[in-house]
């Protein structure tokens, strides 16, 4: 599968994330760095631990290194928004 971009609401802004599909999970990239990864388990989406992610050549996101980037965390709300956008993308392929 090919990486694709999604947009989600974050506070008063919309942020763009790049989704990199892997074998059985999706890496979430923001400003060229990994925010995390999620996997579908039954009907639920779960956040993976760092040791479960193959980062390839990417670093993990640190908002302190990029003043233009919003501080983004992957809580349940964000995971649900991202999962919904991934599912919409897969349906519309």
PDB file of N, CA and C in Angstrom:
ATOM      1  N   UNK A   1       0.834  -1.183   0.000  1.00  0.00           N
ATOM      2  CA  UNK A   1       0.000   0.000   0.000  1.00  0.00           C
ATOM      3  C   UNK A   1       0.879   1.247   0.000  1.00  0.00           C
ATOM      4  N   UNK A   2       0.317   2.304  -0.515  1.00  0.00           N
ATOM      5  CA  UNK A   2       1.027   3.565  -0.680  1.00  0.00           C
ATOM      6  C   UNK A   2       0.671   4.516   0.463  1.00  0.00           C
ATOM      7  N   UNK A   3       1.642   5.270   0.989  1.00  0.00           N
ATOM      8  CA  UNK A   3       1.330   6.280   2.012  1.00  0.00           C
ATOM      9  C   UNK A   3       0.298   7.283   1.487  1.00  0.00           C
ATOM     10  N   UNK A   4      -0.485   7.827   2.404  1.00  0.00           N
ATOM     11  CA  UNK A   4      -1.495   8.819   2.039  1.00  0.00           C
ATOM     12  C   UNK A   4      -1.630   9.827   3.172  1.00  0.00           C
ATOM     13  N   UNK A   5      -2.202  10.991   2.841  1.00  0.00           N
ATOM     14  CA  UNK A   5      -2.389  12.053   3.828  1.00  0.00           C
ATOM     15  C   UNK A   5      -3.839  12.120   4.266  1.00  0.00           C
ATOM     16  N   UNK A   6      -4.023  12.488   5.527  1.00  0.00           N
ATOM     17  CA  UNK A   6      -5.345  12.745   6.082  1.00  0.00           C
ATOM     18  C   UNK A   6      -5.277  14.062   6.842  1.00  0.00           C
ATOM     19  N   UNK A   7      -6.429  14.630   7.122  1.00  0.00           N
ATOM     20  CA  UNK A   7      -6.508  15.805   7.981  1.00  0.00           C
ATOM     21  C   UNK A   7      -7.459  15.498   9.119  1.00  0.00           C
ATOM     22  N   UNK A   8      -7.076  15.952  10.318  1.00  0.00           N
ATOM     23  CA  UNK A   8      -7.947  15.810  11.480  1.00  0.00           C
ATOM     24  C   UNK A   8      -8.020  17.148  12.204  1.00  0.00           C
ATOM     25  N   UNK A   9      -9.106  17.353  12.934  1.00  0.00           N
ATOM     26  CA  UNK A   9      -9.227  18.532  13.779  1.00  0.00           C
ATOM     27  C   UNK A   9      -8.368  18.333  15.012  1.00  0.00           C
ATOM     28  N   UNK A  10      -7.652  19.393  15.360  1.00  0.00           N
ATOM     29  CA  UNK A  10      -6.825  19.368  16.558  1.00  0.00           C
ATOM     30  C   UNK A  10      -6.962  20.745  17.210  1.00  0.00           C
ATOM     31  N   UNK A  11      -7.757  20.807  18.265  1.00  0.00           N
ATOM     32  CA  UNK A  11      -8.049  22.100  18.862  1.00  0.00           C
ATOM     33  C   UNK A  11      -8.809  22.941  17.849  1.00  0.00           C
ATOM     34  N   UNK A  12      -8.308  24.148  17.592  1.00  0.00           N
ATOM     35  CA  UNK A  12      -8.946  25.044  16.626  1.00  0.00           C
ATOM     36  C   UNK A  12      -8.391  24.894  15.222  1.00  0.00           C
ATOM     37  N   UNK A  13      -7.452  23.982  15.040  1.00  0.00           N
ATOM     38  CA  UNK A  13      -6.782  23.829  13.751  1.00  0.00           C
ATOM     39  C   UNK A  13      -7.082  22.474  13.132  1.00  0.00           C
ATOM     40  N   UNK A  14      -6.794  22.405  11.833  1.00  0.00           N
ATOM     41  CA  UNK A  14      -6.747  21.116  11.140  1.00  0.00           C
ATOM     42  C   UNK A  14      -5.280  20.801  10.944  1.00  0.00           C
ATOM     43  N   UNK A  15      -4.887  19.577  11.234  1.00  0.00           N
ATOM     44  CA  UNK A  15      -3.501  19.180  10.998  1.00  0.00           C
ATOM     45  C   UNK A  15      -3.476  18.064   9.966  1.00  0.00           C
ATOM     46  N   UNK A  16      -2.412  18.046   9.198  1.00  0.00           N
ATOM     47  CA  UNK A  16      -2.225  17.022   8.177  1.00  0.00           C
ATOM     48  C   UNK A  16      -1.265  15.968   8.707  1.00  0.00           C
ATOM     49  N   UNK A  17      -1.661  14.724   8.564  1.00  0.00           N
ATOM     50  CA  UNK A  17      -0.846  13.582   8.968  1.00  0.00           C
ATOM     51  C   UNK A  17      -0.627  12.698   7.760  1.00  0.00           C
ATOM     52  N   UNK A  18       0.529  12.104   7.678  1.00  0.00           N
ATOM     53  CA  UNK A  18       0.799  11.111   6.651  1.00  0.00           C
ATOM     54  C   UNK A  18       0.657   9.737   7.291  1.00  0.00           C
ATOM     55  N   UNK A  19      -0.057   8.875   6.617  1.00  0.00           N
ATOM     56  CA  UNK A  19      -0.276   7.514   7.097  1.00  0.00           C
ATOM     57  C   UNK A  19       0.539   6.572   6.220  1.00  0.00           C
ATOM     58  N   UNK A  20       1.398   5.789   6.863  1.00  0.00           N
ATOM     59  CA  UNK A  20       2.223   4.821   6.144  1.00  0.00           C
ATOM     60  C   UNK A  20       1.723   3.415   6.491  1.00  0.00           C
ATOM     61  N   UNK A  21       1.055   2.768   5.550  1.00  0.00           N
ATOM     62  CA  UNK A  21       0.570   1.411   5.808  1.00  0.00           C
ATOM     63  C   UNK A  21       1.733   0.423   5.910  1.00  0.00           C
ATOM     64  N   UNK A  22       1.683  -0.411   6.910  1.00  0.00           N
ATOM     65  CA  UNK A  22       2.613  -1.526   7.058  1.00  0.00           C
ATOM     66  C   UNK A  22       1.801  -2.809   6.943  1.00  0.00           C
ATOM     67  N   UNK A  23       2.424  -3.935   7.196  1.00  0.00           N
ATOM     68  CA  UNK A  23       1.758  -5.228   7.018  1.00  0.00           C
ATOM     69  C   UNK A  23       0.432  -5.300   7.799  1.00  0.00           C
ATOM     70  N   UNK A  24       0.452  -4.960   9.076  1.00  0.00           N
ATOM     71  CA  UNK A  24      -0.769  -5.071   9.878  1.00  0.00           C
ATOM     72  C   UNK A  24      -0.992  -3.876  10.805  1.00  0.00           C
ATOM     73  N   UNK A  25      -0.369  -2.744  10.479  1.00  0.00           N
ATOM     74  CA  UNK A  25      -0.590  -1.526  11.252  1.00  0.00           C
ATOM     75  C   UNK A  25      -0.299  -0.310  10.387  1.00  0.00           C
ATOM     76  N   UNK A  26      -0.581   0.868  10.926  1.00  0.00           N
ATOM     77  CA  UNK A  26      -0.402   2.117  10.203  1.00  0.00           C
ATOM     78  C   UNK A  26       0.454   3.066  11.028  1.00  0.00           C
ATOM     79  N   UNK A  27       1.554   3.533  10.443  1.00  0.00           N
ATOM     80  CA  UNK A  27       2.411   4.521  11.100  1.00  0.00           C
ATOM     81  C   UNK A  27       1.811   5.897  10.837  1.00  0.00           C
ATOM     82  N   UNK A  28       1.774   6.720  11.882  1.00  0.00           N
ATOM     83  CA  UNK A  28       1.232   8.071  11.806  1.00  0.00           C
ATOM     84  C   UNK A  28       2.400   9.045  11.845  1.00  0.00           C
ATOM     85  N   UNK A  29       2.552   9.833  10.773  1.00  0.00           N
ATOM     86  CA  UNK A  29       3.688  10.740  10.632  1.00  0.00           C
ATOM     87  C   UNK A  29       3.191  12.178  10.632  1.00  0.00           C
ATOM     88  N   UNK A  30       3.887  13.027  11.390  1.00  0.00           N
ATOM     89  CA  UNK A  30       3.567  14.454  11.493  1.00  0.00           C
ATOM     90  C   UNK A  30       4.871  15.227  11.375  1.00  0.00           C
ATOM     91  N   UNK A  31       4.933  16.188  10.456  1.00  0.00           N
ATOM     92  CA  UNK A  31       6.143  16.978  10.210  1.00  0.00           C
ATOM     93  C   UNK A  31       7.358  16.080   9.977  1.00  0.00           C
ATOM     94  N   UNK A  32       7.146  14.985   9.246  1.00  0.00           N
ATOM     95  CA  UNK A  32       8.244  14.108   8.867  1.00  0.00           C
ATOM     96  C   UNK A  32       8.756  13.187   9.951  1.00  0.00           C
ATOM     97  N   UNK A  33       8.052  13.126  11.083  1.00  0.00           N
ATOM     98  CA  UNK A  33       8.470  12.276  12.206  1.00  0.00           C
ATOM     99  C   UNK A  33       7.301  11.429  12.688  1.00  0.00           C
ATOM    100  N   UNK A  34       7.612  10.323  13.308  1.00  0.00           N
ATOM    101  CA  UNK A  34       6.579   9.380  13.762  1.00  0.00           C
ATOM    102  C   UNK A  34       5.923   9.854  15.053  1.00  0.00           C
ATOM    103  N   UNK A  35       4.591   9.989  15.001  1.00  0.00           N
ATOM    104  CA  UNK A  35       3.812  10.240  16.221  1.00  0.00           C
ATOM    105  C   UNK A  35       3.521   8.937  16.937  1.00  0.00           C
ATOM    106  N   UNK A  36       3.282   7.894  16.161  1.00  0.00           N
ATOM    107  CA  UNK A  36       2.946   6.591  16.723  1.00  0.00           C
ATOM    108  C   UNK A  36       2.420   5.703  15.615  1.00  0.00           C
ATOM    109  N   UNK A  37       1.771   4.631  16.010  1.00  0.00           N
ATOM    110  CA  UNK A  37       1.180   3.706  15.044  1.00  0.00           C
ATOM    111  C   UNK A  37      -0.036   3.062  15.675  1.00  0.00           C
ATOM    112  N   UNK A  38      -1.005   2.740  14.812  1.00  0.00           N
ATOM    113  CA  UNK A  38      -2.215   2.081  15.296  1.00  0.00           C
ATOM    114  C   UNK A  38      -2.487   0.820  14.483  1.00  0.00           C
ATOM    115  N   UNK A  39      -3.185  -0.094  15.138  1.00  0.00           N
ATOM    116  CA  UNK A  39      -3.540  -1.377  14.518  1.00  0.00           C
ATOM    117  C   UNK A  39      -5.007  -1.656  14.830  1.00  0.00           C
ATOM    118  N   UNK A  40      -5.718  -2.227  13.859  1.00  0.00           N
ATOM    119  CA  UNK A  40      -7.105  -2.610  14.088  1.00  0.00           C
ATOM    120  C   UNK A  40      -7.133  -3.995  14.720  1.00  0.00           C
ATOM    121  N   UNK A  41      -7.838  -4.094  15.827  1.00  0.00           N
ATOM    122  CA  UNK A  41      -7.996  -5.359  16.546  1.00  0.00           C
ATOM    123  C   UNK A  41      -9.501  -5.588  16.700  1.00  0.00           C
ATOM    124  N   UNK A  42     -10.057  -6.425  15.850  1.00  0.00           N
ATOM    125  CA  UNK A  42     -11.511  -6.608  15.859  1.00  0.00           C
ATOM    126  C   UNK A  42     -12.166  -5.323  15.372  1.00  0.00           C
ATOM    127  N   UNK A  43     -13.019  -4.740  16.206  1.00  0.00           N
ATOM    128  CA  UNK A  43     -13.661  -3.478  15.857  1.00  0.00           C
ATOM    129  C   UNK A  43     -12.912  -2.271  16.407  1.00  0.00           C
ATOM    130  N   UNK A  44     -11.928  -2.514  17.258  1.00  0.00           N
ATOM    131  CA  UNK A  44     -11.204  -1.433  17.922  1.00  0.00           C
ATOM    132  C   UNK A  44      -9.863  -1.154  17.254  1.00  0.00           C
ATOM    133  N   UNK A  45      -9.376   0.062  17.445  1.00  0.00           N
ATOM    134  CA  UNK A  45      -8.037   0.453  17.005  1.00  0.00           C
ATOM    135  C   UNK A  45      -7.208   0.686  18.254  1.00  0.00           C
ATOM    136  N   UNK A  46      -5.996   0.130  18.278  1.00  0.00           N
ATOM    137  CA  UNK A  46      -5.136   0.282  19.450  1.00  0.00           C
ATOM    138  C   UNK A  46      -3.847   0.989  19.052  1.00  0.00           C
ATOM    139  N   UNK A  47      -3.304   1.716  20.004  1.00  0.00           N
ATOM    140  CA  UNK A  47      -2.023   2.395  19.831  1.00  0.00           C
ATOM    141  C   UNK A  47      -0.910   1.407  20.150  1.00  0.00           C
ATOM    142  N   UNK A  48       0.061   1.296  19.255  1.00  0.00           N
ATOM    143  CA  UNK A  48       1.175   0.373  19.454  1.00  0.00           C
ATOM    144  C   UNK A  48       2.246   0.997  20.339  1.00  0.00           C
ATOM    145  N   UNK A  49       3.000   0.147  20.997  1.00  0.00           N
ATOM    146  CA  UNK A  49       4.170   0.580  21.749  1.00  0.00           C
ATOM    147  C   UNK A  49       5.313   0.833  20.769  1.00  0.00           C
ATOM    148  N   UNK A  50       6.259   1.696  21.133  1.00  0.00           N
ATOM    149  CA  UNK A  50       7.374   2.006  20.241  1.00  0.00           C
ATOM    150  C   UNK A  50       8.136   0.765  19.795  1.00  0.00           C
ATOM    151  N   UNK A  51       8.296  -0.215  20.679  1.00  0.00           N
ATOM    152  CA  UNK A  51       9.066  -1.402  20.302  1.00  0.00           C
ATOM    153  C   UNK A  51       8.315  -2.316  19.330  1.00  0.00           C
ATOM    154  N   UNK A  52       7.035  -2.013  19.044  1.00  0.00           N
ATOM    155  CA  UNK A  52       6.257  -2.776  18.072  1.00  0.00           C
ATOM    156  C   UNK A  52       6.290  -2.131  16.679  1.00  0.00           C
ATOM    157  N   UNK A  53       6.931  -0.952  16.565  1.00  0.00           N
ATOM    158  CA  UNK A  53       6.937  -0.176  15.329  1.00  0.00           C
ATOM    159  C   UNK A  53       8.305  -0.277  14.667  1.00  0.00           C
ATOM    160  N   UNK A  54       8.301  -0.530  13.374  1.00  0.00           N
ATOM    161  CA  UNK A  54       9.536  -0.469  12.590  1.00  0.00           C
ATOM    162  C   UNK A  54       9.617   0.938  12.009  1.00  0.00           C
ATOM    163  N   UNK A  55      10.469   1.822  12.572  1.00  0.00           N
ATOM    164  CA  UNK A  55      10.493   3.215  12.136  1.00  0.00           C
ATOM    165  C   UNK A  55      11.193   3.450  10.807  1.00  0.00           C
ATOM    166  N   UNK A  56      11.896   2.448  10.308  1.00  0.00           N
ATOM    167  CA  UNK A  56      12.640   2.660   9.070  1.00  0.00           C
ATOM    168  C   UNK A  56      13.639   3.791   9.269  1.00  0.00           C
ATOM    169  N   UNK A  57      13.619   4.779   8.392  1.00  0.00           N
ATOM    170  CA  UNK A  57      14.562   5.895   8.451  1.00  0.00           C
ATOM    171  C   UNK A  57      13.999   7.094   9.222  1.00  0.00           C
ATOM    172  N   UNK A  58      12.784   6.970   9.756  1.00  0.00           N
ATOM    173  CA  UNK A  58      12.143   8.096  10.427  1.00  0.00           C
ATOM    174  C   UNK A  58      12.503   8.157  11.912  1.00  0.00           C
ATOM    175  N   UNK A  59      12.536   9.361  12.425  1.00  0.00           N
ATOM    176  CA  UNK A  59      12.714   9.601  13.857  1.00  0.00           C
ATOM    177  C   UNK A  59      11.337   9.723  14.496  1.00  0.00           C
ATOM    178  N   UNK A  60      11.295   9.661  15.821  1.00  0.00           N
ATOM    179  CA  UNK A  60      10.049   9.891  16.535  1.00  0.00           C
ATOM    180  C   UNK A  60       9.858  11.389  16.740  1.00  0.00           C
ATOM    181  N   UNK A  61       8.608  11.845  16.678  1.00  0.00           N
ATOM    182  CA  UNK A  61       8.270  13.260  16.750  1.00  0.00           C
ATOM    183  C   UNK A  61       8.584  13.841  18.121  1.00  0.00           C
ATOM    184  N   UNK A  62       9.196  15.021  18.119  1.00  0.00           N
ATOM    185  CA  UNK A  62       9.451  15.793  19.338  1.00  0.00           C
ATOM    186  C   UNK A  62       9.050  17.228  19.018  1.00  0.00           C
ATOM    187  N   UNK A  63       7.924  17.682  19.577  1.00  0.00           N
ATOM    188  CA  UNK A  63       7.407  19.019  19.235  1.00  0.00           C
ATOM    189  C   UNK A  63       8.391  20.133  19.576  1.00  0.00           C
ATOM    190  N   UNK A  64       9.325  19.886  20.465  1.00  0.00           N
ATOM    191  CA  UNK A  64      10.299  20.918  20.847  1.00  0.00           C
ATOM    192  C   UNK A  64      11.293  21.201  19.728  1.00  0.00           C
ATOM    193  N   UNK A  65      11.410  20.301  18.756  1.00  0.00           N
ATOM    194  CA  UNK A  65      12.374  20.470  17.679  1.00  0.00           C
ATOM    195  C   UNK A  65      11.810  21.224  16.477  1.00  0.00           C
ATOM    196  N   UNK A  66      10.504  21.472  16.462  1.00  0.00           N
ATOM    197  CA  UNK A  66       9.892  22.167  15.340  1.00  0.00           C
ATOM    198  C   UNK A  66       8.865  23.162  15.857  1.00  0.00           C
ATOM    199  N   UNK A  67       9.217  24.452  15.830  1.00  0.00           N
ATOM    200  CA  UNK A  67       8.339  25.473  16.396  1.00  0.00           C
ATOM    201  C   UNK A  67       7.053  25.657  15.593  1.00  0.00           C
ATOM    202  N   UNK A  68       7.016  25.218  14.337  1.00  0.00           N
ATOM    203  CA  UNK A  68       5.811  25.342  13.515  1.00  0.00           C
ATOM    204  C   UNK A  68       4.786  24.250  13.829  1.00  0.00           C
ATOM    205  N   UNK A  69       5.224  23.175  14.403  1.00  0.00           N
ATOM    206  CA  UNK A  69       4.351  22.028  14.650  1.00  0.00           C
ATOM    207  C   UNK A  69       3.583  22.209  15.957  1.00  0.00           C
ATOM    208  N   UNK A  70       2.319  21.830  15.918  1.00  0.00           N
ATOM    209  CA  UNK A  70       1.518  21.821  17.135  1.00  0.00           C
ATOM    210  C   UNK A  70       1.942  20.641  17.996  1.00  0.00           C
ATOM    211  N   UNK A  71       1.728  20.778  19.285  1.00  0.00           N
ATOM    212  CA  UNK A  71       1.994  19.648  20.170  1.00  0.00           C
ATOM    213  C   UNK A  71       0.815  18.687  20.039  1.00  0.00           C
ATOM    214  N   UNK A  72       1.074  17.514  19.506  1.00  0.00           N
ATOM    215  CA  UNK A  72       0.023  16.540  19.237  1.00  0.00           C
ATOM    216  C   UNK A  72       0.290  15.290  20.058  1.00  0.00           C
ATOM    217  N   UNK A  73      -0.759  14.821  20.726  1.00  0.00           N
ATOM    218  CA  UNK A  73      -0.652  13.550  21.420  1.00  0.00           C
ATOM    219  C   UNK A  73      -1.700  12.613  20.840  1.00  0.00           C
ATOM    220  N   UNK A  74      -1.483  11.344  20.980  1.00  0.00           N
ATOM    221  CA  UNK A  74      -2.404  10.351  20.440  1.00  0.00           C
ATOM    222  C   UNK A  74      -3.244   9.763  21.569  1.00  0.00           C
ATOM    223  N   UNK A  75      -4.287  10.491  21.915  1.00  0.00           N
ATOM    224  CA  UNK A  75      -5.254  10.002  22.884  1.00  0.00           C
ATOM    225  C   UNK A  75      -6.386   9.280  22.162  1.00  0.00           C
ATOM    226  N   UNK A  76      -7.363   8.842  22.905  1.00  0.00           N
ATOM    227  CA  UNK A  76      -8.480   8.091  22.323  1.00  0.00           C
ATOM    228  C   UNK A  76      -9.202   8.913  21.260  1.00  0.00           C
ATOM    229  N   UNK A  77      -9.399  10.203  21.512  1.00  0.00           N
ATOM    230  CA  UNK A  77     -10.086  11.055  20.539  1.00  0.00           C
ATOM    231  C   UNK A  77      -9.316  11.094  19.218  1.00  0.00           C
ATOM    232  N   UNK A  78      -8.013  11.347  19.290  1.00  0.00           N
ATOM    233  CA  UNK A  78      -7.188  11.428  18.083  1.00  0.00           C
ATOM    234  C   UNK A  78      -7.125  10.082  17.360  1.00  0.00           C
ATOM    235  N   UNK A  79      -6.977   9.009  18.109  1.00  0.00           N
ATOM    236  CA  UNK A  79      -6.928   7.668  17.499  1.00  0.00           C
ATOM    237  C   UNK A  79      -8.228   7.380  16.759  1.00  0.00           C
ATOM    238  N   UNK A  80      -9.367   7.731  17.362  1.00  0.00           N
ATOM    239  CA  UNK A  80     -10.653   7.503  16.698  1.00  0.00           C
ATOM    240  C   UNK A  80     -10.777   8.329  15.421  1.00  0.00           C
ATOM    241  N   UNK A  81     -10.334   9.598  15.459  1.00  0.00           N
ATOM    242  CA  UNK A  81     -10.374  10.433  14.250  1.00  0.00           C
ATOM    243  C   UNK A  81      -9.488   9.845  13.151  1.00  0.00           C
ATOM    244  N   UNK A  82      -8.276   9.460  13.519  1.00  0.00           N
ATOM    245  CA  UNK A  82      -7.329   8.904  12.551  1.00  0.00           C
ATOM    246  C   UNK A  82      -7.856   7.587  11.991  1.00  0.00           C
ATOM    247  N   UNK A  83      -8.359   6.721  12.865  1.00  0.00           N
ATOM    248  CA  UNK A  83      -8.901   5.428  12.418  1.00  0.00           C
ATOM    249  C   UNK A  83     -10.052   5.639  11.446  1.00  0.00           C
ATOM    250  N   UNK A  84     -10.918   6.591  11.735  1.00  0.00           N
ATOM    251  CA  UNK A  84     -12.036   6.885  10.828  1.00  0.00           C
ATOM    252  C   UNK A  84     -11.544   7.343   9.465  1.00  0.00           C
ATOM    253  N   UNK A  85     -10.517   8.197   9.450  1.00  0.00           N
ATOM    254  CA  UNK A  85      -9.967   8.666   8.173  1.00  0.00           C
ATOM    255  C   UNK A  85      -9.270   7.529   7.408  1.00  0.00           C
ATOM    256  N   UNK A  86      -8.602   6.642   8.123  1.00  0.00           N
ATOM    257  CA  UNK A  86      -7.982   5.482   7.463  1.00  0.00           C
ATOM    258  C   UNK A  86      -9.057   4.601   6.849  1.00  0.00           C
ATOM    259  N   UNK A  87     -10.105   4.313   7.606  1.00  0.00           N
ATOM    260  CA  UNK A  87     -11.186   3.473   7.084  1.00  0.00           C
ATOM    261  C   UNK A  87     -11.858   4.121   5.879  1.00  0.00           C
ATOM    262  N   UNK A  88     -12.073   5.438   5.926  1.00  0.00           N
ATOM    263  CA  UNK A  88     -12.654   6.144   4.767  1.00  0.00           C
ATOM    264  C   UNK A  88     -11.734   6.030   3.551  1.00  0.00           C
ATOM    265  N   UNK A  89     -10.444   6.171   3.769  1.00  0.00           N
ATOM    266  CA  UNK A  89      -9.493   6.069   2.671  1.00  0.00           C
ATOM    267  C   UNK A  89      -9.533   4.667   2.050  1.00  0.00           C
ATOM    268  N   UNK A  90      -9.566   3.644   2.885  1.00  0.00           N
ATOM    269  CA  UNK A  90      -9.572   2.272   2.390  1.00  0.00           C
ATOM    270  C   UNK A  90     -10.841   1.972   1.587  1.00  0.00           C
ATOM    271  N   UNK A  91     -11.978   2.502   2.018  1.00  0.00           N
ATOM    272  CA  UNK A  91     -13.232   2.282   1.318  1.00  0.00           C
ATOM    273  C   UNK A  91     -13.217   2.980  -0.038  1.00  0.00           C
ATOM    274  N   UNK A  92     -12.595   4.146  -0.103  1.00  0.00           N
ATOM    275  CA  UNK A  92     -12.613   4.953  -1.332  1.00  0.00           C
ATOM    276  C   UNK A  92     -11.467   4.654  -2.287  1.00  0.00           C
ATOM    277  N   UNK A  93     -10.682   3.628  -2.016  1.00  0.00           N
ATOM    278  CA  UNK A  93      -9.563   3.281  -2.912  1.00  0.00           C
ATOM    279  C   UNK A  93     -10.065   2.688  -4.186  1.00  0.00           C
TER     280      UNK A  93
END
